[in-house]
């Protein structure tokens, strides 16, 4: 595919609930823009598998590991080559606290918040956020299909709580231009037409809130 460096929107973040396809889309966008790619690296979190088995006792170390990891990545990004401003990430630092509100008890959340405020003071603001949406049953199907072992221990209501939290979060989000994508029936990872239709939207958004609700394209 032709590189689109001259049309890039700058720092792009792809977000959405577990299983919606944000990492796959982030990889494709980074390739299209010939850009640096920042991935949250869930597989590096040594507490995550334990969290899915025992959420109550493993939530705090799981959240703190993610917070330190993401804050470090963003700090490294700030210090990297200033002449290469195109960057794509599959995480928004603010979502970390959203997860913390779901998983931590009140005392843990108060401790977490003290650390969060110090770690995120100079977090860069994206030039565009892409929020991928899909119903919980679609998310569950995709999670099962990709077969990551520790995700198979996810409690039934946890994914629904996460999906609802994302909807609430982005209902109020106004820090960056926002593209809300209905990813229910499209294949942004493998279908070229689906991806190119989205890419055209991404390259033309400069401000405001936008919606992309395409019909699926047959392979």
C-alpha atoms as a PDB file:
ATOM      1  CA  UNK A   1       0.000   0.000   0.000  1.00  0.00           C
ATOM      2  CA  UNK A   2       1.192   3.518  -0.782  1.00  0.00           C
ATOM      3  CA  UNK A   3       2.532   5.271   2.299  1.00  0.00           C
ATOM      4  CA  UNK A   4       0.446   8.221   3.466  1.00  0.00           C
ATOM      5  CA  UNK A   5       2.983  10.163   5.503  1.00  0.00           C
ATOM      6  CA  UNK A   6       1.973  13.463   3.898  1.00  0.00           C
ATOM      7  CA  UNK A   7      -1.665  12.967   4.934  1.00  0.00           C
ATOM      8  CA  UNK A   8      -1.162  11.664   8.428  1.00  0.00           C
ATOM      9  CA  UNK A   9      -3.200  13.181  11.273  1.00  0.00           C
ATOM     10  CA  UNK A  10      -0.225  13.132  13.678  1.00  0.00           C
ATOM     11  CA  UNK A  11      -0.434  11.147  16.912  1.00  0.00           C
ATOM     12  CA  UNK A  12      -3.251   8.610  16.493  1.00  0.00           C
ATOM     13  CA  UNK A  13      -4.682   6.389  19.233  1.00  0.00           C
ATOM     14  CA  UNK A  14      -6.911   3.383  18.553  1.00  0.00           C
ATOM     15  CA  UNK A  15      -9.077   2.384  21.497  1.00  0.00           C
ATOM     16  CA  UNK A  16     -11.931   0.078  22.381  1.00  0.00           C
ATOM     17  CA  UNK A  17     -12.847  -2.897  24.582  1.00  0.00           C
ATOM     18  CA  UNK A  18     -10.996  -6.194  24.722  1.00  0.00           C
ATOM     19  CA  UNK A  19     -11.349  -8.150  21.488  1.00  0.00           C
ATOM     20  CA  UNK A  20     -12.598  -5.311  19.278  1.00  0.00           C
ATOM     21  CA  UNK A  21      -9.479  -5.294  17.085  1.00  0.00           C
ATOM     22  CA  UNK A  22      -7.629  -2.155  18.180  1.00  0.00           C
ATOM     23  CA  UNK A  23      -4.136  -3.642  18.029  1.00  0.00           C
ATOM     24  CA  UNK A  24      -4.640  -5.068  14.535  1.00  0.00           C
ATOM     25  CA  UNK A  25      -5.908  -1.708  13.299  1.00  0.00           C
ATOM     26  CA  UNK A  26      -3.067   0.171  15.019  1.00  0.00           C
ATOM     27  CA  UNK A  27      -0.535  -2.055  13.247  1.00  0.00           C
ATOM     28  CA  UNK A  28      -2.114  -1.403   9.850  1.00  0.00           C
ATOM     29  CA  UNK A  29      -2.254   2.353  10.414  1.00  0.00           C
ATOM     30  CA  UNK A  30       1.374   2.441  11.519  1.00  0.00           C
ATOM     31  CA  UNK A  31       2.317   0.592   8.348  1.00  0.00           C
ATOM     32  CA  UNK A  32       0.262   2.937   6.166  1.00  0.00           C
ATOM     33  CA  UNK A  33       1.793   6.037   7.763  1.00  0.00           C
ATOM     34  CA  UNK A  34       5.280   4.514   8.055  1.00  0.00           C
ATOM     35  CA  UNK A  35       5.140   5.491  11.713  1.00  0.00           C
ATOM     36  CA  UNK A  36       6.340   4.521  15.144  1.00  0.00           C
ATOM     37  CA  UNK A  37       3.982   2.024  16.801  1.00  0.00           C
ATOM     38  CA  UNK A  38       3.240   1.930  20.538  1.00  0.00           C
ATOM     39  CA  UNK A  39       1.502  -1.204  21.788  1.00  0.00           C
ATOM     40  CA  UNK A  40       0.398  -1.681  25.378  1.00  0.00           C
ATOM     41  CA  UNK A  41       1.936  -5.157  25.626  1.00  0.00           C
ATOM     42  CA  UNK A  42      -0.612  -6.928  27.817  1.00  0.00           C
ATOM     43  CA  UNK A  43       1.403 -10.128  27.523  1.00  0.00           C
ATOM     44  CA  UNK A  44       4.223  -8.440  29.471  1.00  0.00           C
ATOM     45  CA  UNK A  45       2.048  -7.971  32.557  1.00  0.00           C
ATOM     46  CA  UNK A  46       2.951 -10.824  34.952  1.00  0.00           C
ATOM     47  CA  UNK A  47      -0.198 -10.254  37.016  1.00  0.00           C
ATOM     48  CA  UNK A  48      -2.767 -10.385  34.209  1.00  0.00           C
ATOM     49  CA  UNK A  49      -3.375 -14.127  34.098  1.00  0.00           C
ATOM     50  CA  UNK A  50      -3.738 -14.139  37.877  1.00  0.00           C
ATOM     51  CA  UNK A  51      -6.224 -11.260  37.606  1.00  0.00           C
ATOM     52  CA  UNK A  52      -8.519 -13.190  35.281  1.00  0.00           C
ATOM     53  CA  UNK A  53      -8.461 -16.120  37.712  1.00  0.00           C
ATOM     54  CA  UNK A  54      -8.719 -14.077  40.924  1.00  0.00           C
ATOM     55  CA  UNK A  55      -9.775 -10.462  40.168  1.00  0.00           C
ATOM     56  CA  UNK A  56     -10.225  -9.360  43.755  1.00  0.00           C
ATOM     57  CA  UNK A  57      -6.699 -10.161  44.907  1.00  0.00           C
ATOM     58  CA  UNK A  58      -4.755  -9.376  41.723  1.00  0.00           C
ATOM     59  CA  UNK A  59      -6.465  -6.184  40.536  1.00  0.00           C
ATOM     60  CA  UNK A  60      -4.164  -3.634  42.167  1.00  0.00           C
ATOM     61  CA  UNK A  61      -0.796  -4.996  40.971  1.00  0.00           C
ATOM     62  CA  UNK A  62      -2.304  -5.588  37.527  1.00  0.00           C
ATOM     63  CA  UNK A  63      -3.450  -1.975  37.235  1.00  0.00           C
ATOM     64  CA  UNK A  64      -0.255  -0.501  38.630  1.00  0.00           C
ATOM     65  CA  UNK A  65       1.884  -2.535  36.236  1.00  0.00           C
ATOM     66  CA  UNK A  66      -0.160  -1.251  33.286  1.00  0.00           C
ATOM     67  CA  UNK A  67       0.012   2.324  34.566  1.00  0.00           C
ATOM     68  CA  UNK A  68       3.806   2.272  34.963  1.00  0.00           C
ATOM     69  CA  UNK A  69       4.208   0.553  31.598  1.00  0.00           C
ATOM     70  CA  UNK A  70       2.021   3.007  29.681  1.00  0.00           C
ATOM     71  CA  UNK A  71       3.453   6.077  31.386  1.00  0.00           C
ATOM     72  CA  UNK A  72       6.984   4.910  30.550  1.00  0.00           C
ATOM     73  CA  UNK A  73       6.053   4.341  26.894  1.00  0.00           C
ATOM     74  CA  UNK A  74       4.565   7.810  26.577  1.00  0.00           C
ATOM     75  CA  UNK A  75       7.593   9.375  28.243  1.00  0.00           C
ATOM     76  CA  UNK A  76       9.873   7.537  25.822  1.00  0.00           C
ATOM     77  CA  UNK A  77       7.734   8.810  22.967  1.00  0.00           C
ATOM     78  CA  UNK A  78       8.173  12.394  24.141  1.00  0.00           C
ATOM     79  CA  UNK A  79      11.934  11.937  24.136  1.00  0.00           C
ATOM     80  CA  UNK A  80      12.156  10.261  20.726  1.00  0.00           C
ATOM     81  CA  UNK A  81      12.894  11.833  17.345  1.00  0.00           C
ATOM     82  CA  UNK A  82      10.962  15.110  17.117  1.00  0.00           C
ATOM     83  CA  UNK A  83      11.320  15.086  13.319  1.00  0.00           C
ATOM     84  CA  UNK A  84       9.167  11.970  13.090  1.00  0.00           C
ATOM     85  CA  UNK A  85       5.858  13.155  14.545  1.00  0.00           C
ATOM     86  CA  UNK A  86       3.694  10.345  13.165  1.00  0.00           C
ATOM     87  CA  UNK A  87       2.870   7.848  15.877  1.00  0.00           C
ATOM     88  CA  UNK A  88       0.133   5.254  16.336  1.00  0.00           C
ATOM     89  CA  UNK A  89      -0.776   3.669  19.679  1.00  0.00           C
ATOM     90  CA  UNK A  90      -3.342   1.101  20.790  1.00  0.00           C
ATOM     91  CA  UNK A  91      -3.919   2.693  24.188  1.00  0.00           C
ATOM     92  CA  UNK A  92      -5.070   5.985  25.650  1.00  0.00           C
ATOM     93  CA  UNK A  93      -3.543   6.638  29.055  1.00  0.00           C
ATOM     94  CA  UNK A  94      -6.857   7.892  30.459  1.00  0.00           C
ATOM     95  CA  UNK A  95      -8.414   4.479  29.938  1.00  0.00           C
ATOM     96  CA  UNK A  96      -6.127   3.108  32.604  1.00  0.00           C
ATOM     97  CA  UNK A  97      -8.106   4.851  35.314  1.00  0.00           C
ATOM     98  CA  UNK A  98     -11.347   3.684  33.717  1.00  0.00           C
ATOM     99  CA  UNK A  99     -10.225   0.089  34.227  1.00  0.00           C
ATOM    100  CA  UNK A 100      -9.091   0.913  37.762  1.00  0.00           C
ATOM    101  CA  UNK A 101     -12.559   2.193  38.646  1.00  0.00           C
ATOM    102  CA  UNK A 102     -14.024  -1.128  37.554  1.00  0.00           C
ATOM    103  CA  UNK A 103     -11.502  -3.469  39.156  1.00  0.00           C
ATOM    104  CA  UNK A 104     -10.335  -1.792  42.389  1.00  0.00           C
ATOM    105  CA  UNK A 105     -12.069  -1.352  45.721  1.00  0.00           C
ATOM    106  CA  UNK A 106     -12.312   2.134  47.231  1.00  0.00           C
ATOM    107  CA  UNK A 107      -9.113   2.006  49.284  1.00  0.00           C
ATOM    108  CA  UNK A 108      -7.132   0.593  46.374  1.00  0.00           C
ATOM    109  CA  UNK A 109      -8.548   3.227  44.038  1.00  0.00           C
ATOM    110  CA  UNK A 110      -7.521   6.041  46.380  1.00  0.00           C
ATOM    111  CA  UNK A 111      -3.965   4.709  46.426  1.00  0.00           C
ATOM    112  CA  UNK A 112      -3.992   4.211  42.664  1.00  0.00           C
ATOM    113  CA  UNK A 113      -5.232   7.776  42.090  1.00  0.00           C
ATOM    114  CA  UNK A 114      -2.331   9.256  44.040  1.00  0.00           C
ATOM    115  CA  UNK A 115       0.093   7.454  41.749  1.00  0.00           C
ATOM    116  CA  UNK A 116      -1.921   8.101  38.587  1.00  0.00           C
ATOM    117  CA  UNK A 117      -1.893  11.875  39.052  1.00  0.00           C
ATOM    118  CA  UNK A 118       1.890  11.957  39.325  1.00  0.00           C
ATOM    119  CA  UNK A 119       2.476   9.582  36.402  1.00  0.00           C
ATOM    120  CA  UNK A 120       0.223  11.256  33.817  1.00  0.00           C
ATOM    121  CA  UNK A 121       0.839  14.981  34.306  1.00  0.00           C
ATOM    122  CA  UNK A 122       2.587  15.479  30.960  1.00  0.00           C
ATOM    123  CA  UNK A 123       0.922  12.769  28.878  1.00  0.00           C
ATOM    124  CA  UNK A 124       0.721  13.875  25.212  1.00  0.00           C
ATOM    125  CA  UNK A 125      -2.719  14.582  23.749  1.00  0.00           C
ATOM    126  CA  UNK A 126      -3.570  12.626  20.577  1.00  0.00           C
ATOM    127  CA  UNK A 127      -4.349  14.412  17.322  1.00  0.00           C
ATOM    128  CA  UNK A 128      -7.020  11.783  16.672  1.00  0.00           C
ATOM    129  CA  UNK A 129      -8.643   9.006  18.710  1.00  0.00           C
ATOM    130  CA  UNK A 130     -10.371   6.118  16.926  1.00  0.00           C
ATOM    131  CA  UNK A 131     -12.867   4.328  19.156  1.00  0.00           C
ATOM    132  CA  UNK A 132     -13.900   0.884  17.907  1.00  0.00           C
ATOM    133  CA  UNK A 133     -17.276  -0.419  19.098  1.00  0.00           C
ATOM    134  CA  UNK A 134     -18.890  -3.859  18.900  1.00  0.00           C
ATOM    135  CA  UNK A 135     -21.559  -5.718  20.916  1.00  0.00           C
ATOM    136  CA  UNK A 136     -20.429  -7.932  23.767  1.00  0.00           C
ATOM    137  CA  UNK A 137     -21.358 -11.156  21.953  1.00  0.00           C
ATOM    138  CA  UNK A 138     -19.128 -10.140  19.028  1.00  0.00           C
ATOM    139  CA  UNK A 139     -16.288  -9.320  21.424  1.00  0.00           C
ATOM    140  CA  UNK A 140     -16.695 -12.692  23.138  1.00  0.00           C
ATOM    141  CA  UNK A 141     -16.602 -14.503  19.805  1.00  0.00           C
ATOM    142  CA  UNK A 142     -13.411 -12.710  18.750  1.00  0.00           C
ATOM    143  CA  UNK A 143     -11.724 -13.343  22.103  1.00  0.00           C
ATOM    144  CA  UNK A 144     -12.528 -17.035  21.848  1.00  0.00           C
ATOM    145  CA  UNK A 145     -11.292 -17.142  18.254  1.00  0.00           C
ATOM    146  CA  UNK A 146      -7.917 -15.561  18.975  1.00  0.00           C
ATOM    147  CA  UNK A 147      -7.343 -18.116  21.713  1.00  0.00           C
ATOM    148  CA  UNK A 148      -5.200 -16.249  24.249  1.00  0.00           C
ATOM    149  CA  UNK A 149      -5.182 -18.640  27.181  1.00  0.00           C
ATOM    150  CA  UNK A 150      -5.521 -16.227  30.086  1.00  0.00           C
ATOM    151  CA  UNK A 151      -8.419 -14.384  28.407  1.00  0.00           C
ATOM    152  CA  UNK A 152     -10.498 -17.561  28.467  1.00  0.00           C
ATOM    153  CA  UNK A 153     -10.796 -17.136  32.259  1.00  0.00           C
ATOM    154  CA  UNK A 154     -12.547 -13.789  31.860  1.00  0.00           C
ATOM    155  CA  UNK A 155     -15.722 -13.617  33.948  1.00  0.00           C
ATOM    156  CA  UNK A 156     -18.975 -13.355  32.004  1.00  0.00           C
ATOM    157  CA  UNK A 157     -19.999  -9.917  33.233  1.00  0.00           C
ATOM    158  CA  UNK A 158     -16.515  -8.359  33.150  1.00  0.00           C
ATOM    159  CA  UNK A 159     -16.478  -7.785  29.390  1.00  0.00           C
ATOM    160  CA  UNK A 160     -19.925  -6.187  29.512  1.00  0.00           C
ATOM    161  CA  UNK A 161     -18.796  -3.821  32.266  1.00  0.00           C
ATOM    162  CA  UNK A 162     -15.721  -2.876  30.223  1.00  0.00           C
ATOM    163  CA  UNK A 163     -17.754  -2.258  27.072  1.00  0.00           C
ATOM    164  CA  UNK A 164     -20.240  -0.092  28.971  1.00  0.00           C
ATOM    165  CA  UNK A 165     -17.408   1.841  30.620  1.00  0.00           C
ATOM    166  CA  UNK A 166     -15.904   2.606  27.222  1.00  0.00           C
ATOM    167  CA  UNK A 167     -19.239   3.897  25.942  1.00  0.00           C
ATOM    168  CA  UNK A 168     -19.595   6.151  28.973  1.00  0.00           C
ATOM    169  CA  UNK A 169     -15.995   7.344  28.735  1.00  0.00           C
ATOM    170  CA  UNK A 170     -16.209   8.334  25.076  1.00  0.00           C
ATOM    171  CA  UNK A 171     -19.650   9.863  25.487  1.00  0.00           C
ATOM    172  CA  UNK A 172     -17.912  12.540  27.560  1.00  0.00           C
ATOM    173  CA  UNK A 173     -14.530  12.561  25.781  1.00  0.00           C
ATOM    174  CA  UNK A 174     -13.556  15.893  24.211  1.00  0.00           C
ATOM    175  CA  UNK A 175      -9.775  16.172  24.519  1.00  0.00           C
ATOM    176  CA  UNK A 176      -9.086  15.179  20.886  1.00  0.00           C
ATOM    177  CA  UNK A 177     -10.901  14.766  17.575  1.00  0.00           C
ATOM    178  CA  UNK A 178     -12.804  11.479  17.846  1.00  0.00           C
ATOM    179  CA  UNK A 179     -13.842   8.919  15.226  1.00  0.00           C
ATOM    180  CA  UNK A 180     -16.370   6.379  16.544  1.00  0.00           C
ATOM    181  CA  UNK A 181     -16.375   3.231  14.414  1.00  0.00           C
ATOM    182  CA  UNK A 182     -19.004   0.499  14.378  1.00  0.00           C
ATOM    183  CA  UNK A 183     -16.686  -2.496  13.962  1.00  0.00           C
ATOM    184  CA  UNK A 184     -19.395  -5.135  14.327  1.00  0.00           C
ATOM    185  CA  UNK A 185     -19.538  -6.431  10.764  1.00  0.00           C
ATOM    186  CA  UNK A 186     -16.391  -5.120   9.124  1.00  0.00           C
ATOM    187  CA  UNK A 187     -12.953  -6.711   8.965  1.00  0.00           C
ATOM    188  CA  UNK A 188     -10.343  -4.001   9.366  1.00  0.00           C
ATOM    189  CA  UNK A 189      -7.553  -6.553   9.774  1.00  0.00           C
ATOM    190  CA  UNK A 190      -7.995  -8.510   6.529  1.00  0.00           C
ATOM    191  CA  UNK A 191     -10.456  -6.775   4.204  1.00  0.00           C
ATOM    192  CA  UNK A 192      -8.689  -4.144   2.081  1.00  0.00           C
ATOM    193  CA  UNK A 193     -11.842  -2.262   1.140  1.00  0.00           C
ATOM    194  CA  UNK A 194     -13.052  -2.026   4.732  1.00  0.00           C
ATOM    195  CA  UNK A 195      -9.654  -0.774   5.816  1.00  0.00           C
ATOM    196  CA  UNK A 196      -9.247   1.717   2.965  1.00  0.00           C
ATOM    197  CA  UNK A 197     -12.687   3.194   3.635  1.00  0.00           C
ATOM    198  CA  UNK A 198     -11.689   3.795   7.230  1.00  0.00           C
ATOM    199  CA  UNK A 199      -8.272   5.127   6.237  1.00  0.00           C
ATOM    200  CA  UNK A 200      -9.918   7.771   4.069  1.00  0.00           C
ATOM    201  CA  UNK A 201     -11.935   8.922   7.065  1.00  0.00           C
ATOM    202  CA  UNK A 202      -8.844   9.013   9.282  1.00  0.00           C
ATOM    203  CA  UNK A 203      -6.881  11.159   6.817  1.00  0.00           C
ATOM    204  CA  UNK A 204      -9.610  13.786   6.558  1.00  0.00           C
ATOM    205  CA  UNK A 205     -10.592  14.404  10.175  1.00  0.00           C
ATOM    206  CA  UNK A 206      -9.199  17.607  11.652  1.00  0.00           C
ATOM    207  CA  UNK A 207     -11.577  18.343  14.528  1.00  0.00           C
ATOM    208  CA  UNK A 208     -14.830  17.362  16.215  1.00  0.00           C
ATOM    209  CA  UNK A 209     -16.665  14.080  16.697  1.00  0.00           C
ATOM    210  CA  UNK A 210     -17.364  11.775  13.749  1.00  0.00           C
ATOM    211  CA  UNK A 211     -19.092   8.438  13.192  1.00  0.00           C
ATOM    212  CA  UNK A 212     -18.189   5.645  10.772  1.00  0.00           C
ATOM    213  CA  UNK A 213     -20.911   3.033  10.412  1.00  0.00           C
ATOM    214  CA  UNK A 214     -20.104   1.165   7.183  1.00  0.00           C
ATOM    215  CA  UNK A 215     -21.808  -1.758   5.561  1.00  0.00           C
ATOM    216  CA  UNK A 216     -19.605  -4.859   5.432  1.00  0.00           C
ATOM    217  CA  UNK A 217     -17.707  -5.444   2.180  1.00  0.00           C
ATOM    218  CA  UNK A 218     -17.600  -9.014   0.897  1.00  0.00           C
ATOM    219  CA  UNK A 219     -14.199 -10.598   0.377  1.00  0.00           C
END
